[in-house]
C-alpha atoms as a PDB file:
ATOM      1  CA  UNK A   1     154.643 120.940 113.797  1.00  0.00           C
ATOM      2  CA  UNK A   2     156.439 117.986 114.904  1.00  0.00           C
ATOM      3  CA  UNK A   3     156.025 114.691 113.399  1.00  0.00           C
ATOM      4  CA  UNK A   4     156.050 111.497 114.628  1.00  0.00           C
ATOM      5  CA  UNK A   5     158.656 108.841 114.061  1.00  0.00           C
ATOM      6  CA  UNK A   6     158.474 106.560 117.057  1.00  0.00           C
ATOM      7  CA  UNK A   7     155.069 105.151 116.389  1.00  0.00           C
ATOM      8  CA  UNK A   8     154.165 101.575 118.656  1.00  0.00           C
ATOM      9  CA  UNK A   9     150.984 100.249 117.394  1.00  0.00           C
ATOM     10  CA  UNK A  10     147.939  98.180 119.985  1.00  0.00           C
ATOM     11  CA  UNK A  11     145.542  96.214 118.470  1.00  0.00           C
ATOM     12  CA  UNK A  12     142.761  93.919 119.201  1.00  0.00           C
ATOM     13  CA  UNK A  13     143.899  89.985 120.020  1.00  0.00           C
ATOM     14  CA  UNK A  14     140.756  88.668 118.794  1.00  0.00           C
ATOM     15  CA  UNK A  15     141.048  90.833 116.029  1.00  0.00           C
ATOM     16  CA  UNK A  16     142.481  89.184 112.266  1.00  0.00           C
ATOM     17  CA  UNK A  17     142.169  91.817 110.303  1.00  0.00           C
ATOM     18  CA  UNK A  18     143.173  94.366 113.465  1.00  0.00           C
ATOM     19  CA  UNK A  19     146.353  92.073 113.276  1.00  0.00           C
ATOM     20  CA  UNK A  20     146.905  92.065 110.000  1.00  0.00           C
ATOM     21  CA  UNK A  21     146.279  95.630 109.383  1.00  0.00           C
ATOM     22  CA  UNK A  22     148.825  96.433 112.119  1.00  0.00           C
ATOM     23  CA  UNK A  23     151.390  94.592 110.123  1.00  0.00           C
ATOM     24  CA  UNK A  24     150.503  96.507 106.919  1.00  0.00           C
ATOM     25  CA  UNK A  25     150.770  99.530 108.101  1.00  0.00           C
ATOM     26  CA  UNK A  26     154.257  98.742 109.360  1.00  0.00           C
ATOM     27  CA  UNK A  27     155.189  97.587 105.748  1.00  0.00           C
ATOM     28  CA  UNK A  28     154.171 100.337 104.353  1.00  0.00           C
ATOM     29  CA  UNK A  29     155.867 102.912 106.521  1.00  0.00           C
ATOM     30  CA  UNK A  30     159.397 101.044 108.316  1.00  0.00           C
ATOM     31  CA  UNK A  31     161.209 102.623 105.456  1.00  0.00           C
ATOM     32  CA  UNK A  32     160.689 105.987 107.336  1.00  0.00           C
ATOM     33  CA  UNK A  33     159.247 105.508 110.804  1.00  0.00           C
ATOM     34  CA  UNK A  34     160.267 103.092 113.499  1.00  0.00           C
ATOM     35  CA  UNK A  35     157.922 101.361 114.704  1.00  0.00           C
ATOM     36  CA  UNK A  36     156.563  98.665 117.113  1.00  0.00           C
ATOM     37  CA  UNK A  37     152.923  96.525 117.492  1.00  0.00           C
ATOM     38  CA  UNK A  38     151.668  94.497 120.029  1.00  0.00           C
ATOM     39  CA  UNK A  39     148.314  93.311 120.876  1.00  0.00           C
ATOM     40  CA  UNK A  40     146.452  94.572 124.313  1.00  0.00           C
ATOM     41  CA  UNK A  41     147.434  91.450 126.004  1.00  0.00           C
ATOM     42  CA  UNK A  42     150.738  91.140 125.283  1.00  0.00           C
ATOM     43  CA  UNK A  43     151.587  94.637 125.848  1.00  0.00           C
ATOM     44  CA  UNK A  44     151.200  94.303 129.400  1.00  0.00           C
ATOM     45  CA  UNK A  45     154.541  92.833 129.728  1.00  0.00           C
ATOM     46  CA  UNK A  46     155.977  95.274 127.954  1.00  0.00           C
ATOM     47  CA  UNK A  47     154.918  98.427 128.887  1.00  0.00           C
ATOM     48  CA  UNK A  48     158.528  99.870 128.702  1.00  0.00           C
ATOM     49  CA  UNK A  49     157.978 100.432 125.244  1.00  0.00           C
ATOM     50  CA  UNK A  50     155.301 102.854 125.802  1.00  0.00           C
ATOM     51  CA  UNK A  51     157.120 105.976 127.188  1.00  0.00           C
ATOM     52  CA  UNK A  52     159.774 105.151 123.761  1.00  0.00           C
ATOM     53  CA  UNK A  53     156.965 106.110 121.757  1.00  0.00           C
ATOM     54  CA  UNK A  54     155.828 109.331 119.971  1.00  0.00           C
ATOM     55  CA  UNK A  55     152.414 107.992 119.119  1.00  0.00           C
ATOM     56  CA  UNK A  56     150.351 105.287 119.650  1.00  0.00           C
ATOM     57  CA  UNK A  57     147.509 103.642 116.687  1.00  0.00           C
ATOM     58  CA  UNK A  58     144.924 101.742 118.660  1.00  0.00           C
ATOM     59  CA  UNK A  59     143.438  99.175 116.118  1.00  0.00           C
ATOM     60  CA  UNK A  60     140.370  97.862 116.933  1.00  0.00           C
ATOM     61  CA  UNK A  61     137.140  99.011 118.474  1.00  0.00           C
ATOM     62  CA  UNK A  62     136.008 101.215 121.122  1.00  0.00           C
ATOM     63  CA  UNK A  63     136.861  98.803 123.814  1.00  0.00           C
ATOM     64  CA  UNK A  64     140.792  98.219 122.694  1.00  0.00           C
ATOM     65  CA  UNK A  65     140.891 102.011 122.528  1.00  0.00           C
ATOM     66  CA  UNK A  66     139.677 102.293 126.230  1.00  0.00           C
ATOM     67  CA  UNK A  67     142.490  99.820 127.436  1.00  0.00           C
ATOM     68  CA  UNK A  68     145.219 101.755 125.472  1.00  0.00           C
ATOM     69  CA  UNK A  69     144.249 105.009 126.879  1.00  0.00           C
ATOM     70  CA  UNK A  70     144.683 103.137 130.365  1.00  0.00           C
ATOM     71  CA  UNK A  71     147.658 102.238 129.175  1.00  0.00           C
ATOM     72  CA  UNK A  72     149.289 105.902 128.293  1.00  0.00           C
ATOM     73  CA  UNK A  73     147.146 107.984 130.422  1.00  0.00           C
ATOM     74  CA  UNK A  74     150.815 108.641 132.778  1.00  0.00           C
ATOM     75  CA  UNK A  75     152.915 108.854 129.782  1.00  0.00           C
ATOM     76  CA  UNK A  76     150.843 112.264 127.736  1.00  0.00           C
ATOM     77  CA  UNK A  77     151.202 110.266 124.464  1.00  0.00           C
ATOM     78  CA  UNK A  78     148.740 110.723 121.669  1.00  0.00           C
ATOM     79  CA  UNK A  79     146.203 108.530 120.700  1.00  0.00           C
ATOM     80  CA  UNK A  80     145.310 107.887 116.932  1.00  0.00           C
ATOM     81  CA  UNK A  81     142.547 105.664 116.415  1.00  0.00           C
ATOM     82  CA  UNK A  82     141.536 102.925 113.169  1.00  0.00           C
ATOM     83  CA  UNK A  83     138.192 101.596 113.579  1.00  0.00           C
ATOM     84  CA  UNK A  84     137.446  97.996 113.002  1.00  0.00           C
ATOM     85  CA  UNK A  85     134.495  97.641 114.675  1.00  0.00           C
ATOM     86  CA  UNK A  86     130.975  98.209 114.231  1.00  0.00           C
ATOM     87  CA  UNK A  87     130.730 102.548 115.605  1.00  0.00           C
ATOM     88  CA  UNK A  88     134.229 103.811 116.861  1.00  0.00           C
ATOM     89  CA  UNK A  89     132.650 106.493 118.779  1.00  0.00           C
ATOM     90  CA  UNK A  90     136.591 107.571 119.755  1.00  0.00           C
ATOM     91  CA  UNK A  91     138.128 106.645 116.240  1.00  0.00           C
ATOM     92  CA  UNK A  92     139.861 109.066 113.610  1.00  0.00           C
ATOM     93  CA  UNK A  93     140.359 106.499 110.671  1.00  0.00           C
ATOM     94  CA  UNK A  94     138.357 103.716 109.390  1.00  0.00           C
ATOM     95  CA  UNK A  95     139.908 100.081 108.165  1.00  0.00           C
ATOM     96  CA  UNK A  96     139.208 101.096 104.172  1.00  0.00           C
ATOM     97  CA  UNK A  97     141.093 104.222 104.274  1.00  0.00           C
ATOM     98  CA  UNK A  98     143.902 103.755 106.958  1.00  0.00           C
ATOM     99  CA  UNK A  99     147.041 103.298 104.341  1.00  0.00           C
ATOM    100  CA  UNK A 100     146.450 106.332 102.348  1.00  0.00           C
ATOM    101  CA  UNK A 101     145.104 108.905 105.288  1.00  0.00           C
ATOM    102  CA  UNK A 102     148.326 108.014 107.885  1.00  0.00           C
ATOM    103  CA  UNK A 103     150.735 109.572 106.437  1.00  0.00           C
ATOM    104  CA  UNK A 104     148.977 112.669 106.949  1.00  0.00           C
ATOM    105  CA  UNK A 105     148.964 112.355 110.704  1.00  0.00           C
ATOM    106  CA  UNK A 106     152.377 110.988 110.948  1.00  0.00           C
ATOM    107  CA  UNK A 107     153.813 114.249 109.171  1.00  0.00           C
ATOM    108  CA  UNK A 108     152.298 115.943 112.873  1.00  0.00           C
ATOM    109  CA  UNK A 109     148.926 117.954 110.589  1.00  0.00           C
ATOM    110  CA  UNK A 110     147.221 116.978 112.914  1.00  0.00           C
ATOM    111  CA  UNK A 111     144.772 118.788 116.380  1.00  0.00           C
ATOM    112  CA  UNK A 112     145.532 117.175 119.443  1.00  0.00           C
ATOM    113  CA  UNK A 113     142.040 116.809 120.962  1.00  0.00           C
ATOM    114  CA  UNK A 114     142.157 116.388 125.235  1.00  0.00           C
ATOM    115  CA  UNK A 115     139.575 113.945 126.797  1.00  0.00           C
ATOM    116  CA  UNK A 116     138.887 114.237 130.426  1.00  0.00           C
ATOM    117  CA  UNK A 117     138.925 111.052 132.943  1.00  0.00           C
ATOM    118  CA  UNK A 118     137.760 110.727 136.311  1.00  0.00           C
ATOM    119  CA  UNK A 119     139.048 109.070 139.339  1.00  0.00           C
ATOM    120  CA  UNK A 120     137.443 106.933 142.130  1.00  0.00           C
ATOM    121  CA  UNK A 121     138.928 106.425 145.843  1.00  0.00           C
ATOM    122  CA  UNK A 122     137.737 103.920 148.308  1.00  0.00           C
ATOM    123  CA  UNK A 123     136.462 106.604 151.419  1.00  0.00           C
ATOM    124  CA  UNK A 124     137.744 103.970 154.110  1.00  0.00           C
ATOM    125  CA  UNK A 125     141.137 102.827 152.502  1.00  0.00           C
ATOM    126  CA  UNK A 126     141.719 106.226 150.467  1.00  0.00           C
ATOM    127  CA  UNK A 127     142.899 103.512 147.626  1.00  0.00           C
ATOM    128  CA  UNK A 128     142.767 104.816 144.218  1.00  0.00           C
ATOM    129  CA  UNK A 129     140.148 102.008 142.616  1.00  0.00           C
ATOM    130  CA  UNK A 130     140.716 103.266 139.345  1.00  0.00           C
ATOM    131  CA  UNK A 131     140.859 105.601 136.384  1.00  0.00           C
ATOM    132  CA  UNK A 132     138.356 106.377 133.941  1.00  0.00           C
ATOM    133  CA  UNK A 133     137.646 107.739 130.218  1.00  0.00           C
ATOM    134  CA  UNK A 134     134.679 106.420 129.971  1.00  0.00           C
ATOM    135  CA  UNK A 135     132.438 105.024 132.868  1.00  0.00           C
ATOM    136  CA  UNK A 136     132.343 104.348 136.247  1.00  0.00           C
ATOM    137  CA  UNK A 137     129.643 102.150 137.029  1.00  0.00           C
ATOM    138  CA  UNK A 138     128.566 101.091 140.644  1.00  0.00           C
ATOM    139  CA  UNK A 139     125.199  97.778 140.107  1.00  0.00           C
ATOM    140  CA  UNK A 140     124.019  95.163 141.553  1.00  0.00           C
ATOM    141  CA  UNK A 141     125.825  91.711 140.434  1.00  0.00           C
ATOM    142  CA  UNK A 142     123.644  88.499 139.917  1.00  0.00           C
ATOM    143  CA  UNK A 143     121.255  88.550 142.068  1.00  0.00           C
ATOM    144  CA  UNK A 144     117.839  89.605 140.979  1.00  0.00           C
ATOM    145  CA  UNK A 145     117.559  92.018 143.841  1.00  0.00           C
ATOM    146  CA  UNK A 146     117.025  95.801 143.960  1.00  0.00           C
ATOM    147  CA  UNK A 147     120.470  97.613 144.668  1.00  0.00           C
ATOM    148  CA  UNK A 148     119.934 100.706 147.502  1.00  0.00           C
ATOM    149  CA  UNK A 149     122.607 103.764 147.174  1.00  0.00           C
ATOM    150  CA  UNK A 150     123.375 106.772 148.632  1.00  0.00           C
ATOM    151  CA  UNK A 151     124.409 109.631 146.299  1.00  0.00           C
ATOM    152  CA  UNK A 152     126.108 112.549 147.579  1.00  0.00           C
ATOM    153  CA  UNK A 153     127.237 115.540 145.530  1.00  0.00           C
ATOM    154  CA  UNK A 154     129.685 118.059 146.860  1.00  0.00           C
ATOM    155  CA  UNK A 155     128.590 116.458 150.937  1.00  0.00           C
ATOM    156  CA  UNK A 156     125.067 117.112 149.956  1.00  0.00           C
ATOM    157  CA  UNK A 157     122.659 114.468 149.469  1.00  0.00           C
ATOM    158  CA  UNK A 158     121.194 114.307 146.854  1.00  0.00           C
ATOM    159  CA  UNK A 159     119.044 110.714 146.369  1.00  0.00           C
ATOM    160  CA  UNK A 160     119.194 107.303 147.627  1.00  0.00           C
ATOM    161  CA  UNK A 161     118.217 105.403 144.530  1.00  0.00           C
ATOM    162  CA  UNK A 162     116.922 101.823 144.478  1.00  0.00           C
ATOM    163  CA  UNK A 163     117.964 100.623 141.665  1.00  0.00           C
ATOM    164  CA  UNK A 164     120.084  98.249 139.554  1.00  0.00           C
ATOM    165  CA  UNK A 165     122.933 100.482 139.539  1.00  0.00           C
ATOM    166  CA  UNK A 166     124.356 103.989 138.809  1.00  0.00           C
ATOM    167  CA  UNK A 167     126.895 105.115 136.324  1.00  0.00           C
ATOM    168  CA  UNK A 168     128.906 108.224 135.950  1.00  0.00           C
ATOM    169  CA  UNK A 169     130.242 109.105 132.506  1.00  0.00           C
ATOM    170  CA  UNK A 170     132.254 111.468 131.218  1.00  0.00           C
ATOM    171  CA  UNK A 171     131.741 113.595 128.166  1.00  0.00           C
ATOM    172  CA  UNK A 172     133.512 110.825 126.208  1.00  0.00           C
ATOM    173  CA  UNK A 173     131.649 108.222 127.717  1.00  0.00           C
ATOM    174  CA  UNK A 174     127.998 109.847 127.104  1.00  0.00           C
ATOM    175  CA  UNK A 175     127.415 108.071 124.130  1.00  0.00           C
ATOM    176  CA  UNK A 176     127.783 104.426 125.429  1.00  0.00           C
ATOM    177  CA  UNK A 177     125.881 102.805 128.032  1.00  0.00           C
ATOM    178  CA  UNK A 178     124.625 106.311 129.225  1.00  0.00           C
ATOM    179  CA  UNK A 179     122.972 107.121 125.798  1.00  0.00           C
ATOM    180  CA  UNK A 180     121.485 103.770 126.130  1.00  0.00           C
ATOM    181  CA  UNK A 181     120.007 104.952 129.393  1.00  0.00           C
ATOM    182  CA  UNK A 182     118.444 107.947 127.687  1.00  0.00           C
ATOM    183  CA  UNK A 183     121.181 109.852 128.918  1.00  0.00           C
ATOM    184  CA  UNK A 184     122.039 113.395 127.653  1.00  0.00           C
ATOM    185  CA  UNK A 185     125.753 113.613 124.928  1.00  0.00           C
ATOM    186  CA  UNK A 186     127.932 115.953 126.380  1.00  0.00           C
ATOM    187  CA  UNK A 187     130.472 117.797 124.051  1.00  0.00           C
ATOM    188  CA  UNK A 188     133.200 115.529 123.673  1.00  0.00           C
ATOM    189  CA  UNK A 189     135.754 118.897 125.216  1.00  0.00           C
ATOM    190  CA  UNK A 190     133.308 119.240 128.218  1.00  0.00           C
ATOM    191  CA  UNK A 191     135.241 118.580 131.512  1.00  0.00           C
ATOM    192  CA  UNK A 192     131.633 117.813 133.065  1.00  0.00           C
ATOM    193  CA  UNK A 193     130.496 114.556 133.457  1.00  0.00           C
ATOM    194  CA  UNK A 194     126.972 112.763 133.937  1.00  0.00           C
ATOM    195  CA  UNK A 195     125.161 110.906 136.877  1.00  0.00           C
ATOM    196  CA  UNK A 196     122.671 108.486 136.164  1.00  0.00           C
ATOM    197  CA  UNK A 197     120.812 105.950 138.469  1.00  0.00           C
ATOM    198  CA  UNK A 198     120.629 102.411 136.194  1.00  0.00           C
ATOM    199  CA  UNK A 199     116.245 101.109 136.204  1.00  0.00           C
ATOM    200  CA  UNK A 200     115.990 103.319 138.870  1.00  0.00           C
ATOM    201  CA  UNK A 201     112.426 102.309 140.669  1.00  0.00           C
ATOM    202  CA  UNK A 202     109.690 104.722 142.288  1.00  0.00           C
ATOM    203  CA  UNK A 203     111.766 107.768 141.261  1.00  0.00           C
ATOM    204  CA  UNK A 204     111.376 110.252 138.441  1.00  0.00           C
ATOM    205  CA  UNK A 205     114.709 111.333 139.610  1.00  0.00           C
ATOM    206  CA  UNK A 206     116.800 110.789 136.281  1.00  0.00           C
ATOM    207  CA  UNK A 207     120.384 111.603 137.118  1.00  0.00           C
ATOM    208  CA  UNK A 208     121.802 115.714 136.833  1.00  0.00           C
ATOM    209  CA  UNK A 209     125.141 116.762 134.544  1.00  0.00           C
ATOM    210  CA  UNK A 210     127.543 118.267 137.155  1.00  0.00           C
ATOM    211  CA  UNK A 211     130.384 120.597 136.263  1.00  0.00           C
ATOM    212  CA  UNK A 212     134.305 119.831 136.144  1.00  0.00           C
ATOM    213  CA  UNK A 213     134.670 120.464 139.950  1.00  0.00           C
ATOM    214  CA  UNK A 214     132.079 118.605 141.774  1.00  0.00           C
ATOM    215  CA  UNK A 215     132.436 115.545 143.753  1.00  0.00           C
ATOM    216  CA  UNK A 216     130.224 112.338 144.082  1.00  0.00           C
ATOM    217  CA  UNK A 217     130.317 110.132 147.363  1.00  0.00           C
ATOM    218  CA  UNK A 218     128.200 107.139 146.832  1.00  0.00           C
ATOM    219  CA  UNK A 219     127.548 105.056 150.199  1.00  0.00           C
ATOM    220  CA  UNK A 220     126.354 101.444 149.673  1.00  0.00           C
ATOM    221  CA  UNK A 221     123.236 100.572 151.652  1.00  0.00           C
ATOM    222  CA  UNK A 222     122.536  97.685 150.179  1.00  0.00           C
ATOM    223  CA  UNK A 223     123.563  93.989 152.711  1.00  0.00           C
ATOM    224  CA  UNK A 224     124.125  92.031 148.740  1.00  0.00           C
ATOM    225  CA  UNK A 225     127.565  92.533 146.748  1.00  0.00           C
ATOM    226  CA  UNK A 226     127.417  95.206 144.436  1.00  0.00           C
ATOM    227  CA  UNK A 227     130.410  95.481 141.642  1.00  0.00           C
ATOM    228  CA  UNK A 228     132.247  98.053 140.438  1.00  0.00           C
ATOM    229  CA  UNK A 229     133.391  98.758 136.891  1.00  0.00           C
ATOM    230  CA  UNK A 230     135.356 101.412 135.115  1.00  0.00           C
ATOM    231  CA  UNK A 231     135.542 101.653 131.551  1.00  0.00           C
ATOM    232  CA  UNK A 232     134.118  97.576 131.465  1.00  0.00           C
ATOM    233  CA  UNK A 233     137.005  95.645 132.112  1.00  0.00           C
ATOM    234  CA  UNK A 234     137.962  96.965 135.536  1.00  0.00           C
ATOM    235  CA  UNK A 235     136.159  95.379 138.402  1.00  0.00           C
ATOM    236  CA  UNK A 236     135.882  95.478 141.884  1.00  0.00           C
ATOM    237  CA  UNK A 237     134.028  94.358 144.365  1.00  0.00           C
ATOM    238  CA  UNK A 238     132.063  96.428 147.464  1.00  0.00           C
ATOM    239  CA  UNK A 239     129.539  95.639 150.059  1.00  0.00           C
ATOM    240  CA  UNK A 240     127.203  97.495 152.735  1.00  0.00           C
ATOM    241  CA  UNK A 241     128.724 100.567 154.247  1.00  0.00           C
ATOM    242  CA  UNK A 242     131.717 100.923 151.523  1.00  0.00           C
ATOM    243  CA  UNK A 243     131.686 104.584 150.329  1.00  0.00           C
ATOM    244  CA  UNK A 244     133.218 105.285 146.829  1.00  0.00           C
ATOM    245  CA  UNK A 245     134.344 108.847 145.847  1.00  0.00           C
ATOM    246  CA  UNK A 246     134.867 109.901 142.232  1.00  0.00           C
ATOM    247  CA  UNK A 247     135.644 113.583 140.433  1.00  0.00           C
ATOM    248  CA  UNK A 248     137.582 114.587 137.593  1.00  0.00           C
ATOM    249  CA  UNK A 249     141.187 112.842 137.439  1.00  0.00           C
ATOM    250  CA  UNK A 250     144.031 115.132 136.858  1.00  0.00           C
ATOM    251  CA  UNK A 251     145.066 112.748 134.267  1.00  0.00           C
ATOM    252  CA  UNK A 252     143.689 113.222 130.439  1.00  0.00           C
ATOM    253  CA  UNK A 253     143.815 111.574 127.109  1.00  0.00           C
ATOM    254  CA  UNK A 254     144.846 113.274 123.986  1.00  0.00           C
ATOM    255  CA  UNK A 255     143.649 112.117 120.648  1.00  0.00           C
ATOM    256  CA  UNK A 256     144.711 112.957 117.148  1.00  0.00           C
ATOM    257  CA  UNK A 257     142.247 114.691 114.947  1.00  0.00           C
ATOM    258  CA  UNK A 258     141.555 116.087 111.547  1.00  0.00           C
ATOM    259  CA  UNK A 259     138.169 117.441 111.711  1.00  0.00           C
ATOM    260  CA  UNK A 260     137.472 120.522 113.885  1.00  0.00           C
ATOM    261  CA  UNK A 261     135.753 119.444 116.993  1.00  0.00           C
ATOM    262  CA  UNK A 262     132.166 120.616 115.602  1.00  0.00           C
ATOM    263  CA  UNK A 263     131.910 118.067 113.084  1.00  0.00           C
ATOM    264  CA  UNK A 264     131.367 115.482 116.711  1.00  0.00           C
ATOM    265  CA  UNK A 265     127.861 116.168 115.986  1.00  0.00           C
ATOM    266  CA  UNK A 266     127.482 115.215 112.494  1.00  0.00           C
ATOM    267  CA  UNK A 267     129.210 112.268 112.782  1.00  0.00           C
ATOM    268  CA  UNK A 268     127.565 110.998 115.747  1.00  0.00           C
ATOM    269  CA  UNK A 269     124.285 111.400 113.896  1.00  0.00           C
ATOM    270  CA  UNK A 270     125.440 109.518 110.990  1.00  0.00           C
ATOM    271  CA  UNK A 271     126.928 106.460 113.245  1.00  0.00           C
ATOM    272  CA  UNK A 272     123.475 106.270 115.462  1.00  0.00           C
ATOM    273  CA  UNK A 273     121.535 105.903 112.193  1.00  0.00           C
ATOM    274  CA  UNK A 274     119.898 108.984 113.204  1.00  0.00           C
ATOM    275  CA  UNK A 275     121.959 111.169 109.788  1.00  0.00           C
ATOM    276  CA  UNK A 276     122.269 109.983 106.160  1.00  0.00           C
ATOM    277  CA  UNK A 277     125.152 110.969 104.575  1.00  0.00           C
ATOM    278  CA  UNK A 278     128.633 110.694 103.737  1.00  0.00           C
END
């Protein structure tokens, strides 16, 4: 059992309660541990701190955790999420429980839960567009006009969608945009991922669940500019004939967890209001 002694705290820059909780954590535990803290904007100029840390605490909502995940993806440093938001599917601890709960995690009692990521490259330039813990969306821009997007799975033409866009979700992201579109929720430890059209016109084909070895090629058929987005904050532009390939990344994110992975199903139904209970 390895304890965590050098701990970074990255908090939501727009949340004063998140900033206050970060300071409170340091005040309570700095006698025994070494801490640093920064918001998710300032840390971009202090990235050297990340690789010096045993653990990163993300204080905020799921958006904060996604930004932290992109920062630690190259370093294999675990994340402990404290939820300051409304739902917090990826968080481990609620704000009200944080000070009482943290020592148990600091002493190395938690299990490590791996969450798998996606990677997208441009087939024209071989440029890595982005990695993603949650989802990758390829969708129409401001024009109120359907996009035409061809999709291929391992070289086989799946469908050419006339739609608002396409979303590709990891197991982690299956509880996000995918779920809002009526897609299935995957086990959080699954390596599989989901391809789902957004508001597809004249099509009853609602999407597919793909194995971890699958590779998706997306080709832009439309004349208009198309937006590419990873995890809701990495944005690029695509145009006609651009081709993107999406596949499982070799990178993954580690989260500290207290509960067994099976508890995920009870937690998600409670957070969605489907099942009441503690």
